[in-house]
């Protein structure tokens, strides 16, 4: 497997690009890429690549975007204290969910599309909203050290930065993580860590399987390829790396960006070649890069 660089869109936003997510294809549209930056969310067609539209609705930085499995609804979270749920095609607002500053750092819809999860930042919780009526249905608290009172937040050192759903709908918070896909066991969980490693866990047994190193600084994002054979990571060392899971090592280093890489995201298999897909990465350098994975 390898990554072939395709295109880089310079100045894709007017400021740093902090988040990216793929919107599944619909009958009316191919897979599209959502990106978030200062106050704006942009939608991209990777063929070209071409900017489809610019969505407004936030008054401060957008830290996370997520797409509903249907490909017709998406959500964006901002430090302006709101999560905005919108129609992908029209940008019409479907719902506005209150989220205090530093309380939402990543969004994810569950595979069934019935629940939206948000990693709760400084509150050290994961909040769940029902997507039928957009009502808060649960708040999952991250366990605190034994004997620590809930009011002693400064001593807990717990901060929920990321959330992911396993194929069977289980939810867990950490910094940046993704569950494996077929043919690997879906209980395998990959996490990006500030210690420069990618940690691999058995989520059911809650045990560490292995750790992979290679980045020279924080690993800010991780995603798994659709075929389950590789993962991609983005780091504050300005690189994107492709990791072979059988070799448990990085096989490629991409240097398309000149600043830290905040997000990497694999797209669905290509219609013209189901064994291949696209990978997107976004960076503090305001650019969006596309690669072909095959």
Protein backbone atom coordinates (compact mmCIF):
# COMPACT_ATOMS: atom_id res chain seq x y z
CA UNK A 1 0.00 0.00 0.00
CA UNK A 2 1.10 3.57 -0.64
CA UNK A 3 -0.04 7.17 -0.75
CA UNK A 4 0.33 9.14 -3.95
CA UNK A 5 0.10 12.94 -3.47
CA UNK A 6 -2.55 14.44 -5.75
CA UNK A 7 -3.30 18.09 -5.02
CA UNK A 8 -2.81 20.68 -2.30
CA UNK A 9 -5.16 23.64 -2.04
CA UNK A 10 -3.19 26.56 -0.67
CA UNK A 11 -5.12 29.14 1.37
CA UNK A 12 -8.10 26.77 1.49
CA UNK A 13 -9.33 28.94 4.39
CA UNK A 14 -8.36 32.40 5.55
CA UNK A 15 -6.81 30.96 8.71
CA UNK A 16 -5.54 27.65 10.14
CA UNK A 17 -7.58 24.58 9.14
CA UNK A 18 -8.26 22.53 12.28
CA UNK A 19 -10.63 19.75 11.32
CA UNK A 20 -11.79 17.60 8.41
CA UNK A 21 -14.37 14.87 7.79
CA UNK A 22 -15.74 13.07 4.73
CA UNK A 23 -19.41 13.31 3.79
CA UNK A 24 -20.67 9.99 2.35
CA UNK A 25 -21.92 9.94 -1.23
CA UNK A 26 -25.63 10.33 -1.93
CA UNK A 27 -27.75 9.80 -5.03
CA UNK A 28 -27.16 13.45 -5.90
CA UNK A 29 -23.55 13.94 -4.87
CA UNK A 30 -20.15 12.18 -4.76
CA UNK A 31 -18.23 11.95 -1.47
CA UNK A 32 -17.30 15.46 -0.30
CA UNK A 33 -14.82 16.78 2.24
CA UNK A 34 -15.82 19.09 5.10
CA UNK A 35 -13.17 21.36 6.61
CA UNK A 36 -13.37 23.81 9.50
CA UNK A 37 -11.42 26.97 10.28
CA UNK A 38 -11.99 30.39 11.82
CA UNK A 39 -15.79 30.97 11.69
CA UNK A 40 -16.24 28.98 8.45
CA UNK A 41 -16.95 25.44 7.30
CA UNK A 42 -16.14 24.63 3.68
CA UNK A 43 -17.29 21.78 1.46
CA UNK A 44 -14.91 20.39 -1.19
CA UNK A 45 -15.26 18.11 -4.18
CA UNK A 46 -11.92 16.25 -4.32
CA UNK A 47 -12.14 16.08 -8.11
CA UNK A 48 -10.27 19.17 -9.09
CA UNK A 49 -10.27 19.77 -6.12
CA UNK A 50 -13.11 22.28 -6.18
CA UNK A 51 -14.69 24.34 -3.41
CA UNK A 52 -18.42 23.58 -3.44
CA UNK A 53 -19.58 26.08 -0.84
CA UNK A 54 -18.61 28.08 2.24
CA UNK A 55 -20.88 27.74 5.26
CA UNK A 56 -21.17 30.43 7.88
CA UNK A 57 -23.03 30.32 11.17
CA UNK A 58 -20.26 30.42 13.79
CA UNK A 59 -18.62 33.56 15.17
CA UNK A 60 -15.42 31.86 16.42
CA UNK A 61 -13.13 29.00 15.42
CA UNK A 62 -14.59 25.67 14.27
CA UNK A 63 -12.79 22.85 16.09
CA UNK A 64 -14.69 19.81 14.78
CA UNK A 65 -16.92 18.73 11.89
CA UNK A 66 -18.79 15.45 11.46
CA UNK A 67 -21.07 13.99 8.79
CA UNK A 68 -24.20 11.90 9.30
CA UNK A 69 -24.06 8.41 7.68
CA UNK A 70 -26.82 9.49 5.28
CA UNK A 71 -24.53 12.10 3.73
CA UNK A 72 -27.28 14.70 3.96
CA UNK A 73 -26.68 16.15 7.43
CA UNK A 74 -23.51 17.42 9.10
CA UNK A 75 -22.53 19.14 12.33
CA UNK A 76 -19.86 21.64 13.31
CA UNK A 77 -18.62 22.57 16.79
CA UNK A 78 -17.06 25.91 17.66
CA UNK A 79 -15.53 27.69 20.61
CA UNK A 80 -18.44 30.13 20.23
CA UNK A 81 -20.34 27.73 22.56
CA UNK A 82 -22.56 26.13 19.92
CA UNK A 83 -22.85 22.97 17.85
CA UNK A 84 -24.56 23.72 14.55
CA UNK A 85 -26.39 20.90 12.75
CA UNK A 86 -27.07 21.74 9.10
CA UNK A 87 -28.28 20.42 5.76
CA UNK A 88 -25.21 19.63 3.64
CA UNK A 89 -26.78 20.68 0.34
CA UNK A 90 -28.42 23.94 1.42
CA UNK A 91 -26.54 24.93 4.61
CA UNK A 92 -29.92 25.46 6.27
CA UNK A 93 -29.69 25.13 10.07
CA UNK A 94 -31.47 22.03 11.39
CA UNK A 95 -30.59 22.44 15.07
CA UNK A 96 -28.38 24.54 17.34
CA UNK A 97 -27.03 22.77 20.42
CA UNK A 98 -25.51 24.69 23.33
CA UNK A 99 -21.94 23.73 24.20
CA UNK A 100 -19.99 26.00 26.59
CA UNK A 101 -16.47 27.08 25.52
CA UNK A 102 -13.87 24.29 25.74
CA UNK A 103 -16.70 21.77 26.23
CA UNK A 104 -16.67 20.26 22.72
CA UNK A 105 -13.48 19.18 20.98
CA UNK A 106 -14.68 16.46 18.64
CA UNK A 107 -18.01 15.31 17.20
CA UNK A 108 -19.00 11.90 15.84
CA UNK A 109 -22.31 10.42 14.68
CA UNK A 110 -22.83 6.77 15.57
CA UNK A 111 -22.92 4.28 12.63
CA UNK A 112 -26.73 4.14 12.75
CA UNK A 113 -27.04 7.93 12.68
CA UNK A 114 -29.31 7.99 15.73
CA UNK A 115 -26.89 9.68 18.14
CA UNK A 116 -24.37 12.51 17.99
CA UNK A 117 -21.49 12.26 20.47
CA UNK A 118 -19.31 15.17 21.60
CA UNK A 119 -16.06 14.91 23.56
CA UNK A 120 -16.51 17.42 26.36
CA UNK A 121 -13.11 19.03 26.79
CA UNK A 122 -12.54 20.45 30.26
CA UNK A 123 -15.73 18.88 31.62
CA UNK A 124 -14.08 15.47 31.06
CA UNK A 125 -17.31 14.02 29.69
CA UNK A 126 -18.91 12.76 26.51
CA UNK A 127 -22.34 14.18 25.73
CA UNK A 128 -24.88 12.33 23.59
CA UNK A 129 -27.73 13.90 21.60
CA UNK A 130 -30.63 12.05 20.03
CA UNK A 131 -30.75 12.99 16.32
CA UNK A 132 -34.52 12.56 16.01
CA UNK A 133 -35.35 15.51 18.27
CA UNK A 134 -31.83 16.84 18.97
CA UNK A 135 -32.23 16.46 22.71
CA UNK A 136 -29.39 15.74 25.14
CA UNK A 137 -29.94 12.16 26.30
CA UNK A 138 -26.79 11.38 28.30
CA UNK A 139 -23.50 12.72 29.65
CA UNK A 140 -20.81 10.10 30.24
CA UNK A 141 -18.27 11.15 32.85
CA UNK A 142 -14.61 10.20 32.54
CA UNK A 143 -13.60 8.35 35.75
CA UNK A 144 -11.64 10.48 38.20
CA UNK A 145 -8.76 9.30 40.38
CA UNK A 146 -10.00 7.45 43.43
CA UNK A 147 -10.82 9.75 46.33
CA UNK A 148 -10.97 12.92 44.22
CA UNK A 149 -14.08 15.04 44.61
CA UNK A 150 -15.95 16.20 41.48
CA UNK A 151 -15.27 19.83 42.45
CA UNK A 152 -11.51 19.27 42.37
CA UNK A 153 -11.24 19.68 38.60
CA UNK A 154 -7.77 21.16 38.64
CA UNK A 155 -6.39 18.07 40.27
CA UNK A 156 -8.09 15.52 38.03
CA UNK A 157 -6.03 16.37 34.91
CA UNK A 158 -8.78 14.79 32.81
CA UNK A 159 -9.60 16.41 29.48
CA UNK A 160 -11.77 14.71 26.84
CA UNK A 161 -10.36 15.63 23.42
CA UNK A 162 -11.76 12.96 21.11
CA UNK A 163 -14.58 10.48 20.69
CA UNK A 164 -15.13 7.55 18.32
CA UNK A 165 -17.82 4.91 17.77
CA UNK A 166 -17.00 1.26 17.21
CA UNK A 167 -19.05 -0.58 14.55
CA UNK A 168 -21.30 -2.00 17.27
CA UNK A 169 -22.05 1.48 18.64
CA UNK A 170 -19.74 1.61 21.73
CA UNK A 171 -18.44 5.08 22.68
CA UNK A 172 -15.13 6.08 24.32
CA UNK A 173 -13.29 9.40 24.88
CA UNK A 174 -9.56 10.11 24.42
CA UNK A 175 -7.37 12.63 22.50
CA UNK A 176 -7.60 11.34 18.93
CA UNK A 177 -8.72 7.82 18.18
CA UNK A 178 -10.29 5.49 15.67
CA UNK A 179 -11.49 1.90 15.73
CA UNK A 180 -10.13 -0.61 13.23
CA UNK A 181 -12.14 -1.74 10.24
CA UNK A 182 -12.37 -5.07 8.42
CA UNK A 183 -10.48 -7.34 8.15
CA UNK A 184 -9.11 -6.46 11.60
CA UNK A 185 -11.07 -7.06 14.79
CA UNK A 186 -13.31 -4.05 15.43
CA UNK A 187 -12.27 -4.16 19.09
CA UNK A 188 -8.84 -2.79 18.11
CA UNK A 189 -8.53 0.90 18.93
CA UNK A 190 -5.82 3.29 17.70
CA UNK A 191 -5.02 6.47 19.60
CA UNK A 192 -2.83 9.44 18.69
CA UNK A 193 -0.79 10.66 21.61
CA UNK A 194 1.17 13.71 22.69
CA UNK A 195 4.08 11.41 23.51
CA UNK A 196 4.73 10.97 19.77
CA UNK A 197 3.36 7.42 19.66
CA UNK A 198 0.38 5.67 18.14
CA UNK A 199 -0.99 3.32 20.77
CA UNK A 200 -2.96 0.20 19.80
CA UNK A 201 -5.44 -1.20 22.31
CA UNK A 202 -7.78 -4.12 22.73
CA UNK A 203 -10.81 -2.04 23.70
CA UNK A 204 -12.77 -4.99 25.08
CA UNK A 205 -10.01 -6.25 27.37
CA UNK A 206 -8.75 -2.70 28.03
CA UNK A 207 -5.16 -3.73 27.34
CA UNK A 208 -2.34 -2.18 25.32
CA UNK A 209 -1.39 -4.33 22.31
CA UNK A 210 1.56 -2.30 21.05
CA UNK A 211 2.89 1.22 20.52
CA UNK A 212 4.35 2.57 17.28
CA UNK A 213 6.79 5.48 17.17
CA UNK A 214 8.20 7.62 14.40
CA UNK A 215 6.86 11.15 14.72
CA UNK A 216 9.22 13.64 16.31
CA UNK A 217 6.44 15.55 18.06
CA UNK A 218 2.78 15.28 19.12
CA UNK A 219 0.55 12.99 17.07
CA UNK A 220 -2.57 15.10 16.56
CA UNK A 221 -4.77 12.84 14.46
CA UNK A 222 -5.21 9.25 13.31
CA UNK A 223 -7.51 7.46 10.88
CA UNK A 224 -7.75 3.90 9.56
CA UNK A 225 -7.94 2.96 5.88
CA UNK A 226 -11.17 1.38 4.58
CA UNK A 227 -9.36 -1.92 3.92
CA UNK A 228 -8.09 -2.01 7.51
CA UNK A 229 -4.50 -2.58 6.39
CA UNK A 230 -3.08 0.81 7.30
CA UNK A 231 -3.50 3.93 9.38
CA UNK A 232 -2.56 7.51 8.61
CA UNK A 233 -1.41 10.05 11.19
CA UNK A 234 -0.89 13.79 11.27
CA UNK A 235 1.52 15.47 13.64
CA UNK A 236 2.85 18.77 14.90
CA UNK A 237 6.13 17.71 13.25
CA UNK A 238 4.39 18.87 10.00
CA UNK A 239 4.22 15.38 8.45
CA UNK A 240 1.58 12.86 7.42
CA UNK A 241 2.64 9.25 7.88
CA UNK A 242 1.26 5.99 6.52
CA UNK A 243 1.64 2.95 8.79
CA UNK A 244 1.54 -0.70 7.69
CA UNK A 245 -0.32 -2.55 10.45
CA UNK A 246 1.27 -5.91 9.69
CA UNK A 247 4.76 -4.40 9.85
CA UNK A 248 3.73 -2.10 12.74
CA UNK A 249 5.88 0.61 11.21
CA UNK A 250 5.62 3.79 9.15
CA UNK A 251 6.18 3.05 5.46
CA UNK A 252 5.72 6.57 4.08
CA UNK A 253 6.35 10.12 5.23
CA UNK A 254 4.52 12.91 3.37
CA UNK A 255 5.67 16.51 3.64
CA UNK A 256 2.90 18.41 1.84
CA UNK A 257 2.44 20.84 4.74
CA UNK A 258 4.77 23.40 6.31
CA UNK A 259 2.99 23.58 9.67
CA UNK A 260 1.38 21.15 12.09
CA UNK A 261 -1.20 18.73 10.66
CA UNK A 262 -4.42 18.85 12.65
CA UNK A 263 -6.49 16.19 10.90
CA UNK A 264 -6.22 13.25 8.50
CA UNK A 265 -9.29 11.53 7.07
CA UNK A 266 -9.69 8.57 4.71
CA UNK A 267 -12.57 8.79 2.27
CA UNK A 268 -14.76 5.90 1.07
CA UNK A 269 -13.54 3.56 -1.71
CA UNK A 270 -13.39 5.19 -5.13
CA UNK A 271 -16.23 4.38 -7.52
CA UNK A 272 -13.74 3.80 -10.32
CA UNK A 273 -11.46 1.59 -8.21
CA UNK A 274 -12.95 0.07 -5.06
CA UNK A 275 -9.49 -1.00 -3.88
CA UNK A 276 -8.40 2.64 -3.65
CA UNK A 277 -9.60 5.71 -1.77
CA UNK A 278 -8.60 9.30 -1.04
CA UNK A 279 -6.91 10.63 2.07
CA UNK A 280 -7.21 14.29 3.07
CA UNK A 281 -5.07 16.26 5.52
CA UNK A 282 -5.46 19.80 6.88
CA UNK A 283 -2.95 22.05 8.56
CA UNK A 284 -2.16 25.27 10.38
CA UNK A 285 -0.63 26.45 7.09
CA UNK A 286 -4.24 27.00 5.81
CA UNK A 287 -3.97 24.23 3.21
CA UNK A 288 -5.90 21.06 2.39
CA UNK A 289 -3.99 18.18 0.74
CA UNK A 290 -5.37 15.15 -1.09
CA UNK A 291 -3.65 11.80 -1.64
CA UNK A 292 -4.63 8.57 -3.38
CA UNK A 293 -4.33 5.45 -1.22
CA UNK A 294 -3.94 2.18 -3.11
